[in-house]
Amino acid sequence: MILISSDIHIREDELQFKFVRSTGPGGQNVNKVATAVQLRFDVMNSPSLTDKVKKRLLITAKNRMNDRGELIIEAKQHRTQHQNRKDAIDRLINQIKEAAITPKTRKPTKPTKSSQRKRLEKKHQRGKLKIARKKVIFDKDQD
């Protein structure tokens, strides 16, 4: 049982692990041992998650999802299967924790009267400055 928060628990049998050969550090083992981990978690059919968490997880992790609704996390940073497996589980936990947080709803606000007045005064000042920069052309007929 993987504890994510006080009300979210995931059973180990909901996770699928696949070990593949990893690129990067590993010395001579890199061509012999499958140390990279590919973790698959079926979000849509998981009984551990609520519908709200599932919907937010689909939005927050949409780049890591396949068309069947599986969240795929690849971990190949470390040299051992055990460390990469732990890293993949930690990243899954963080992803679900992020989706479990309900975003605050935005309350629309109006600018205050004084801020509106100040904005218009600044615009007026800026316009005066630009007018003062213009070249003055004299007409010979007026002299």
N, C-alpha and C. Protein backbone atom coordinates (compact mmCIF):
# COMPACT_ATOMS: atom_id res chain seq x y z
N MET A 1 0.85 -1.18 0.00
CA MET A 1 0.00 0.00 0.00
C MET A 1 0.89 1.23 0.00
N ILE A 2 0.66 2.11 -0.95
CA ILE A 2 1.43 3.34 -1.05
C ILE A 2 0.56 4.48 -0.51
N LEU A 3 1.06 5.16 0.50
CA LEU A 3 0.33 6.26 1.13
C LEU A 3 0.68 7.56 0.40
N ILE A 4 -0.34 8.23 -0.11
CA ILE A 4 -0.13 9.49 -0.81
C ILE A 4 -0.56 10.65 0.06
N SER A 5 -1.73 10.57 0.63
CA SER A 5 -2.20 11.57 1.59
C SER A 5 -3.07 10.82 2.60
N SER A 6 -3.68 11.56 3.51
CA SER A 6 -4.48 10.91 4.55
C SER A 6 -5.68 10.16 3.98
N ASP A 7 -6.19 10.58 2.83
CA ASP A 7 -7.36 9.92 2.27
C ASP A 7 -7.10 9.22 0.93
N ILE A 8 -5.85 9.24 0.43
CA ILE A 8 -5.53 8.58 -0.84
C ILE A 8 -4.46 7.52 -0.60
N HIS A 9 -4.81 6.28 -0.92
CA HIS A 9 -3.89 5.15 -0.84
C HIS A 9 -3.95 4.41 -2.17
N ILE A 10 -2.81 3.95 -2.65
CA ILE A 10 -2.78 3.16 -3.88
C ILE A 10 -2.21 1.79 -3.55
N ARG A 11 -2.89 0.76 -4.05
CA ARG A 11 -2.39 -0.60 -3.85
C ARG A 11 -1.22 -0.86 -4.81
N GLU A 12 -0.28 -1.68 -4.37
CA GLU A 12 0.90 -2.00 -5.18
C GLU A 12 0.51 -2.71 -6.48
N ASP A 13 -0.58 -3.48 -6.45
CA ASP A 13 -0.96 -4.24 -7.66
C ASP A 13 -1.56 -3.35 -8.75
N GLU A 14 -1.82 -2.07 -8.44
CA GLU A 14 -2.31 -1.14 -9.46
C GLU A 14 -1.17 -0.61 -10.33
N LEU A 15 0.06 -0.79 -9.88
CA LEU A 15 1.23 -0.30 -10.60
C LEU A 15 1.85 -1.42 -11.42
N GLN A 16 2.25 -1.10 -12.64
CA GLN A 16 2.95 -2.06 -13.50
C GLN A 16 4.34 -1.53 -13.76
N PHE A 17 5.35 -2.37 -13.56
CA PHE A 17 6.73 -1.98 -13.79
C PHE A 17 7.29 -2.77 -14.95
N LYS A 18 8.07 -2.08 -15.77
CA LYS A 18 8.78 -2.72 -16.87
C LYS A 18 10.21 -2.21 -16.81
N PHE A 19 11.16 -3.12 -16.84
CA PHE A 19 12.57 -2.74 -16.77
C PHE A 19 13.19 -2.85 -18.15
N VAL A 20 13.83 -1.77 -18.58
CA VAL A 20 14.45 -1.71 -19.91
C VAL A 20 15.89 -1.23 -19.76
N ARG A 21 16.66 -1.37 -20.82
CA ARG A 21 18.04 -0.91 -20.78
C ARG A 21 18.07 0.61 -20.75
N SER A 22 18.97 1.10 -19.94
CA SER A 22 19.05 2.54 -19.72
C SER A 22 20.22 3.13 -20.50
N THR A 23 20.07 4.38 -20.90
CA THR A 23 21.19 5.12 -21.48
C THR A 23 21.89 5.85 -20.35
N GLY A 24 23.05 6.36 -20.59
CA GLY A 24 23.73 7.16 -19.59
C GLY A 24 24.71 6.37 -18.76
N PRO A 25 24.94 6.77 -17.49
CA PRO A 25 26.00 6.15 -16.69
C PRO A 25 25.69 4.69 -16.36
N GLY A 26 26.74 3.93 -16.16
CA GLY A 26 26.55 2.53 -15.80
C GLY A 26 27.76 1.69 -16.15
N GLY A 27 28.70 2.26 -16.86
CA GLY A 27 29.91 1.52 -17.19
C GLY A 27 29.60 0.34 -18.09
N GLN A 28 30.21 -0.79 -17.80
CA GLN A 28 30.03 -1.99 -18.62
C GLN A 28 28.64 -2.58 -18.45
N ASN A 29 27.98 -2.28 -17.33
CA ASN A 29 26.65 -2.82 -17.08
C ASN A 29 25.59 -2.24 -18.01
N VAL A 30 25.86 -1.09 -18.61
CA VAL A 30 24.82 -0.39 -19.36
C VAL A 30 24.29 -1.23 -20.53
N ASN A 31 25.12 -2.12 -21.08
CA ASN A 31 24.69 -2.94 -22.20
C ASN A 31 24.16 -4.31 -21.76
N LYS A 32 24.26 -4.62 -20.47
CA LYS A 32 23.88 -5.96 -20.01
C LYS A 32 22.65 -5.97 -19.10
N VAL A 33 22.50 -4.92 -18.28
CA VAL A 33 21.48 -4.93 -17.24
C VAL A 33 20.38 -3.92 -17.57
N ALA A 34 19.14 -4.34 -17.42
CA ALA A 34 18.00 -3.44 -17.65
C ALA A 34 17.73 -2.70 -16.35
N THR A 35 18.24 -1.47 -16.24
CA THR A 35 18.10 -0.71 -15.00
C THR A 35 17.03 0.37 -15.08
N ALA A 36 16.68 0.83 -16.26
CA ALA A 36 15.66 1.87 -16.38
C ALA A 36 14.28 1.29 -16.07
N VAL A 37 13.44 2.09 -15.44
CA VAL A 37 12.11 1.63 -15.03
C VAL A 37 11.04 2.42 -15.77
N GLN A 38 10.05 1.69 -16.24
CA GLN A 38 8.89 2.34 -16.85
C GLN A 38 7.68 1.94 -15.99
N LEU A 39 7.12 2.92 -15.30
CA LEU A 39 5.99 2.68 -14.40
C LEU A 39 4.71 3.06 -15.13
N ARG A 40 3.73 2.20 -15.09
CA ARG A 40 2.42 2.47 -15.69
C ARG A 40 1.36 2.40 -14.59
N PHE A 41 0.52 3.45 -14.59
CA PHE A 41 -0.56 3.51 -13.61
C PHE A 41 -1.84 3.86 -14.35
N ASP A 42 -2.83 2.97 -14.29
CA ASP A 42 -4.10 3.18 -14.99
C ASP A 42 -4.98 4.13 -14.18
N VAL A 43 -4.95 5.38 -14.56
CA VAL A 43 -5.66 6.43 -13.81
C VAL A 43 -7.17 6.25 -13.93
N MET A 44 -7.64 5.99 -15.12
CA MET A 44 -9.08 5.95 -15.36
C MET A 44 -9.77 4.78 -14.63
N ASN A 45 -9.08 3.66 -14.45
CA ASN A 45 -9.70 2.49 -13.82
C ASN A 45 -9.24 2.27 -12.38
N SER A 46 -8.60 3.26 -11.81
CA SER A 46 -8.10 3.12 -10.45
C SER A 46 -9.22 3.34 -9.44
N PRO A 47 -9.46 2.37 -8.54
CA PRO A 47 -10.48 2.55 -7.52
C PRO A 47 -9.99 3.43 -6.36
N SER A 48 -8.71 3.70 -6.31
CA SER A 48 -8.12 4.46 -5.20
C SER A 48 -8.33 5.97 -5.33
N LEU A 49 -8.56 6.46 -6.55
CA LEU A 49 -8.67 7.90 -6.77
C LEU A 49 -10.12 8.33 -6.95
N THR A 50 -10.42 9.50 -6.47
CA THR A 50 -11.77 10.06 -6.68
C THR A 50 -11.87 10.60 -8.10
N ASP A 51 -13.08 10.87 -8.54
CA ASP A 51 -13.28 11.38 -9.90
C ASP A 51 -12.64 12.75 -10.08
N LYS A 52 -12.70 13.59 -9.04
CA LYS A 52 -12.09 14.92 -9.14
C LYS A 52 -10.58 14.83 -9.32
N VAL A 53 -9.95 13.95 -8.56
CA VAL A 53 -8.49 13.78 -8.67
C VAL A 53 -8.13 13.21 -10.03
N LYS A 54 -8.94 12.28 -10.53
CA LYS A 54 -8.70 11.71 -11.86
C LYS A 54 -8.75 12.79 -12.94
N LYS A 55 -9.77 13.66 -12.87
CA LYS A 55 -9.91 14.71 -13.87
C LYS A 55 -8.73 15.68 -13.83
N ARG A 56 -8.33 16.08 -12.62
CA ARG A 56 -7.20 17.00 -12.50
C ARG A 56 -5.90 16.34 -12.91
N LEU A 57 -5.76 15.05 -12.65
CA LEU A 57 -4.57 14.31 -13.05
C LEU A 57 -4.49 14.20 -14.56
N LEU A 58 -5.63 14.05 -15.21
CA LEU A 58 -5.65 14.02 -16.67
C LEU A 58 -5.18 15.36 -17.26
N ILE A 59 -5.48 16.45 -16.55
CA ILE A 59 -5.07 17.78 -17.02
C ILE A 59 -3.61 18.05 -16.70
N THR A 60 -3.20 17.79 -15.45
CA THR A 60 -1.84 18.14 -15.05
C THR A 60 -0.78 17.23 -15.67
N ALA A 61 -1.14 15.98 -15.94
CA ALA A 61 -0.15 15.03 -16.48
C ALA A 61 -0.50 14.60 -17.90
N LYS A 62 -1.12 15.48 -18.67
CA LYS A 62 -1.59 15.08 -20.00
C LYS A 62 -0.46 14.68 -20.94
N ASN A 63 0.75 15.21 -20.74
CA ASN A 63 1.87 14.86 -21.60
C ASN A 63 2.45 13.49 -21.26
N ARG A 64 2.12 12.95 -20.11
CA ARG A 64 2.63 11.64 -19.70
C ARG A 64 1.57 10.55 -19.83
N MET A 65 0.42 10.90 -20.37
CA MET A 65 -0.68 9.94 -20.50
C MET A 65 -0.72 9.36 -21.91
N ASN A 66 -1.14 8.10 -22.00
CA ASN A 66 -1.40 7.55 -23.32
C ASN A 66 -2.90 7.60 -23.60
N ASP A 67 -3.31 7.12 -24.75
CA ASP A 67 -4.73 7.25 -25.13
C ASP A 67 -5.65 6.33 -24.32
N ARG A 68 -5.11 5.37 -23.57
CA ARG A 68 -5.93 4.48 -22.74
C ARG A 68 -6.10 5.02 -21.32
N GLY A 69 -5.53 6.20 -21.04
CA GLY A 69 -5.66 6.79 -19.72
C GLY A 69 -4.64 6.27 -18.72
N GLU A 70 -3.51 5.75 -19.21
CA GLU A 70 -2.44 5.28 -18.34
C GLU A 70 -1.39 6.36 -18.18
N LEU A 71 -0.98 6.59 -16.96
CA LEU A 71 0.10 7.52 -16.67
C LEU A 71 1.40 6.73 -16.75
N ILE A 72 2.33 7.21 -17.59
CA ILE A 72 3.60 6.51 -17.80
C ILE A 72 4.73 7.39 -17.29
N ILE A 73 5.51 6.84 -16.36
CA ILE A 73 6.65 7.56 -15.80
C ILE A 73 7.89 6.72 -16.05
N GLU A 74 8.89 7.33 -16.66
CA GLU A 74 10.15 6.65 -16.93
C GLU A 74 11.22 7.20 -15.99
N ALA A 75 11.95 6.29 -15.35
CA ALA A 75 13.02 6.69 -14.44
C ALA A 75 14.29 5.95 -14.85
N LYS A 76 15.32 6.70 -15.20
CA LYS A 76 16.58 6.09 -15.61
C LYS A 76 17.78 6.89 -15.12
N GLN A 77 17.58 7.65 -14.08
CA GLN A 77 18.61 8.54 -13.57
C GLN A 77 19.68 7.78 -12.79
N HIS A 78 19.28 6.72 -12.11
CA HIS A 78 20.20 6.00 -11.24
C HIS A 78 20.73 4.75 -11.93
N ARG A 79 21.71 4.09 -11.28
CA ARG A 79 22.36 2.93 -11.88
C ARG A 79 21.72 1.60 -11.50
N THR A 80 20.80 1.61 -10.55
CA THR A 80 20.19 0.35 -10.12
C THR A 80 18.68 0.38 -10.33
N GLN A 81 18.13 -0.83 -10.52
CA GLN A 81 16.69 -0.95 -10.68
C GLN A 81 15.96 -0.46 -9.44
N HIS A 82 16.48 -0.79 -8.29
CA HIS A 82 15.82 -0.43 -7.03
C HIS A 82 15.70 1.08 -6.88
N GLN A 83 16.79 1.81 -7.15
CA GLN A 83 16.76 3.27 -7.02
C GLN A 83 15.82 3.89 -8.06
N ASN A 84 15.86 3.38 -9.30
CA ASN A 84 14.99 3.91 -10.35
C ASN A 84 13.52 3.61 -10.05
N ARG A 85 13.25 2.44 -9.48
CA ARG A 85 11.88 2.07 -9.11
C ARG A 85 11.36 3.02 -8.03
N LYS A 86 12.20 3.29 -7.03
CA LYS A 86 11.83 4.21 -5.96
C LYS A 86 11.61 5.63 -6.51
N ASP A 87 12.47 6.04 -7.43
CA ASP A 87 12.34 7.37 -8.05
C ASP A 87 11.03 7.48 -8.83
N ALA A 88 10.66 6.44 -9.57
CA ALA A 88 9.41 6.46 -10.34
C ALA A 88 8.20 6.54 -9.41
N ILE A 89 8.24 5.78 -8.31
CA ILE A 89 7.12 5.82 -7.35
C ILE A 89 7.02 7.20 -6.70
N ASP A 90 8.16 7.78 -6.33
CA ASP A 90 8.15 9.13 -5.74
C ASP A 90 7.57 10.15 -6.70
N ARG A 91 7.92 10.04 -7.97
CA ARG A 91 7.40 10.99 -8.96
C ARG A 91 5.90 10.80 -9.16
N LEU A 92 5.43 9.55 -9.10
CA LEU A 92 3.99 9.28 -9.19
C LEU A 92 3.27 9.89 -7.99
N ILE A 93 3.83 9.72 -6.80
CA ILE A 93 3.23 10.28 -5.59
C ILE A 93 3.13 11.80 -5.70
N ASN A 94 4.19 12.45 -6.15
CA ASN A 94 4.18 13.91 -6.30
C ASN A 94 3.15 14.36 -7.32
N GLN A 95 3.02 13.61 -8.42
CA GLN A 95 2.05 13.95 -9.46
C GLN A 95 0.62 13.86 -8.91
N ILE A 96 0.34 12.82 -8.14
CA ILE A 96 -1.01 12.64 -7.59
C ILE A 96 -1.28 13.67 -6.49
N LYS A 97 -0.27 13.98 -5.67
CA LYS A 97 -0.44 15.02 -4.64
C LYS A 97 -0.77 16.36 -5.28
N GLU A 98 -0.09 16.67 -6.38
CA GLU A 98 -0.35 17.94 -7.09
C GLU A 98 -1.77 17.98 -7.63
N ALA A 99 -2.25 16.84 -8.13
CA ALA A 99 -3.61 16.79 -8.68
C ALA A 99 -4.66 16.79 -7.58
N ALA A 100 -4.30 16.36 -6.38
CA ALA A 100 -5.27 16.29 -5.28
C ALA A 100 -5.56 17.65 -4.68
N ILE A 101 -4.69 18.63 -4.93
CA ILE A 101 -4.91 19.97 -4.39
C ILE A 101 -5.95 20.69 -5.25
N THR A 102 -7.01 21.15 -4.62
CA THR A 102 -8.06 21.87 -5.33
C THR A 102 -7.60 23.31 -5.58
N PRO A 103 -7.59 23.74 -6.84
CA PRO A 103 -7.16 25.12 -7.11
C PRO A 103 -8.17 26.13 -6.58
N LYS A 104 -7.66 27.27 -6.14
CA LYS A 104 -8.55 28.32 -5.65
C LYS A 104 -9.30 28.93 -6.82
N THR A 105 -10.58 29.26 -6.58
CA THR A 105 -11.35 29.91 -7.62
C THR A 105 -11.04 31.40 -7.61
N ARG A 106 -10.92 31.97 -8.79
CA ARG A 106 -10.58 33.38 -8.90
C ARG A 106 -11.82 34.22 -8.65
N LYS A 107 -11.66 35.23 -7.81
CA LYS A 107 -12.75 36.17 -7.55
C LYS A 107 -12.47 37.43 -8.37
N PRO A 108 -13.34 37.74 -9.33
CA PRO A 108 -13.09 38.93 -10.14
C PRO A 108 -13.18 40.20 -9.31
N THR A 109 -12.27 41.10 -9.52
CA THR A 109 -12.25 42.36 -8.78
C THR A 109 -12.29 43.53 -9.75
N LYS A 110 -12.69 44.69 -9.25
CA LYS A 110 -12.71 45.91 -10.04
C LYS A 110 -11.58 46.80 -9.56
N PRO A 111 -10.99 47.57 -10.48
CA PRO A 111 -10.00 48.55 -10.01
C PRO A 111 -10.70 49.66 -9.21
N THR A 112 -10.00 50.20 -8.23
CA THR A 112 -10.59 51.25 -7.41
C THR A 112 -10.71 52.54 -8.22
N LYS A 113 -11.56 53.45 -7.73
CA LYS A 113 -11.75 54.73 -8.44
C LYS A 113 -10.45 55.52 -8.47
N SER A 114 -9.71 55.51 -7.36
CA SER A 114 -8.46 56.27 -7.34
C SER A 114 -7.43 55.70 -8.30
N SER A 115 -7.38 54.36 -8.43
CA SER A 115 -6.42 53.77 -9.37
C SER A 115 -6.81 54.09 -10.82
N GLN A 116 -8.12 54.13 -11.10
CA GLN A 116 -8.57 54.51 -12.43
C GLN A 116 -8.21 55.97 -12.72
N ARG A 117 -8.41 56.85 -11.74
CA ARG A 117 -8.09 58.27 -11.91
C ARG A 117 -6.60 58.46 -12.14
N LYS A 118 -5.77 57.77 -11.34
CA LYS A 118 -4.32 57.88 -11.49
C LYS A 118 -3.87 57.40 -12.86
N ARG A 119 -4.46 56.32 -13.33
CA ARG A 119 -4.10 55.78 -14.64
C ARG A 119 -4.41 56.80 -15.74
N LEU A 120 -5.58 57.42 -15.67
CA LEU A 120 -5.96 58.40 -16.68
C LEU A 120 -5.08 59.65 -16.61
N GLU A 121 -4.70 60.06 -15.38
CA GLU A 121 -3.81 61.21 -15.23
C GLU A 121 -2.44 60.93 -15.85
N LYS A 122 -1.92 59.74 -15.64
CA LYS A 122 -0.63 59.37 -16.22
C LYS A 122 -0.70 59.35 -17.74
N LYS A 123 -1.84 58.84 -18.27
CA LYS A 123 -2.01 58.83 -19.72
C LYS A 123 -2.03 60.26 -20.27
N HIS A 124 -2.71 61.14 -19.55
CA HIS A 124 -2.81 62.53 -19.99
C HIS A 124 -1.43 63.19 -19.97
N GLN A 125 -0.67 62.96 -18.89
CA GLN A 125 0.69 63.52 -18.78
C GLN A 125 1.57 63.01 -19.91
N ARG A 126 1.50 61.73 -20.19
CA ARG A 126 2.32 61.12 -21.24
C ARG A 126 1.95 61.72 -22.60
N GLY A 127 0.66 61.93 -22.83
CA GLY A 127 0.21 62.56 -24.08
C GLY A 127 0.75 63.97 -24.22
N LYS A 128 0.73 64.75 -23.13
CA LYS A 128 1.27 66.11 -23.16
C LYS A 128 2.76 66.10 -23.51
N LEU A 129 3.50 65.15 -22.92
CA LEU A 129 4.92 65.03 -23.18
C LEU A 129 5.18 64.75 -24.66
N LYS A 130 4.40 63.88 -25.24
CA LYS A 130 4.58 63.53 -26.65
C LYS A 130 4.23 64.71 -27.56
N ILE A 131 3.21 65.45 -27.19
CA ILE A 131 2.84 66.63 -27.98
C ILE A 131 3.96 67.68 -27.92
N ALA A 132 4.58 67.83 -26.75
CA ALA A 132 5.66 68.81 -26.58
C ALA A 132 6.88 68.44 -27.41
N ARG A 133 7.06 67.19 -27.75
CA ARG A 133 8.21 66.76 -28.54
C ARG A 133 8.06 67.05 -30.02
N LYS A 134 6.84 67.28 -30.49
CA LYS A 134 6.60 67.48 -31.92
C LYS A 134 7.33 68.70 -32.43
N LYS A 135 7.74 68.62 -33.69
CA LYS A 135 8.40 69.73 -34.35
C LYS A 135 7.38 70.81 -34.66
N VAL A 136 7.77 72.06 -34.42
CA VAL A 136 6.89 73.18 -34.73
C VAL A 136 7.26 73.69 -36.11
N ILE A 137 6.26 73.79 -36.99
CA ILE A 137 6.48 74.27 -38.36
C ILE A 137 5.86 75.65 -38.47
N PHE A 138 6.70 76.63 -38.87
CA PHE A 138 6.21 78.01 -39.04
C PHE A 138 5.80 78.21 -40.49
N ASP A 139 4.70 78.92 -40.67
CA ASP A 139 4.24 79.29 -42.01
C ASP A 139 4.76 80.68 -42.32
N LYS A 140 5.28 80.89 -43.51
CA LYS A 140 5.78 82.22 -43.90
C LYS A 140 4.62 83.20 -44.12
N ASP A 141 3.47 82.66 -44.45
CA ASP A 141 2.32 83.53 -44.71
C ASP A 141 1.82 84.19 -43.46
N GLN A 142 1.98 83.60 -42.26
CA GLN A 142 1.47 84.17 -41.04
C GLN A 142 2.31 85.33 -40.55
N ASP A 143 3.57 85.43 -40.89
CA ASP A 143 4.42 86.52 -40.43
C ASP A 143 4.07 87.84 -40.99
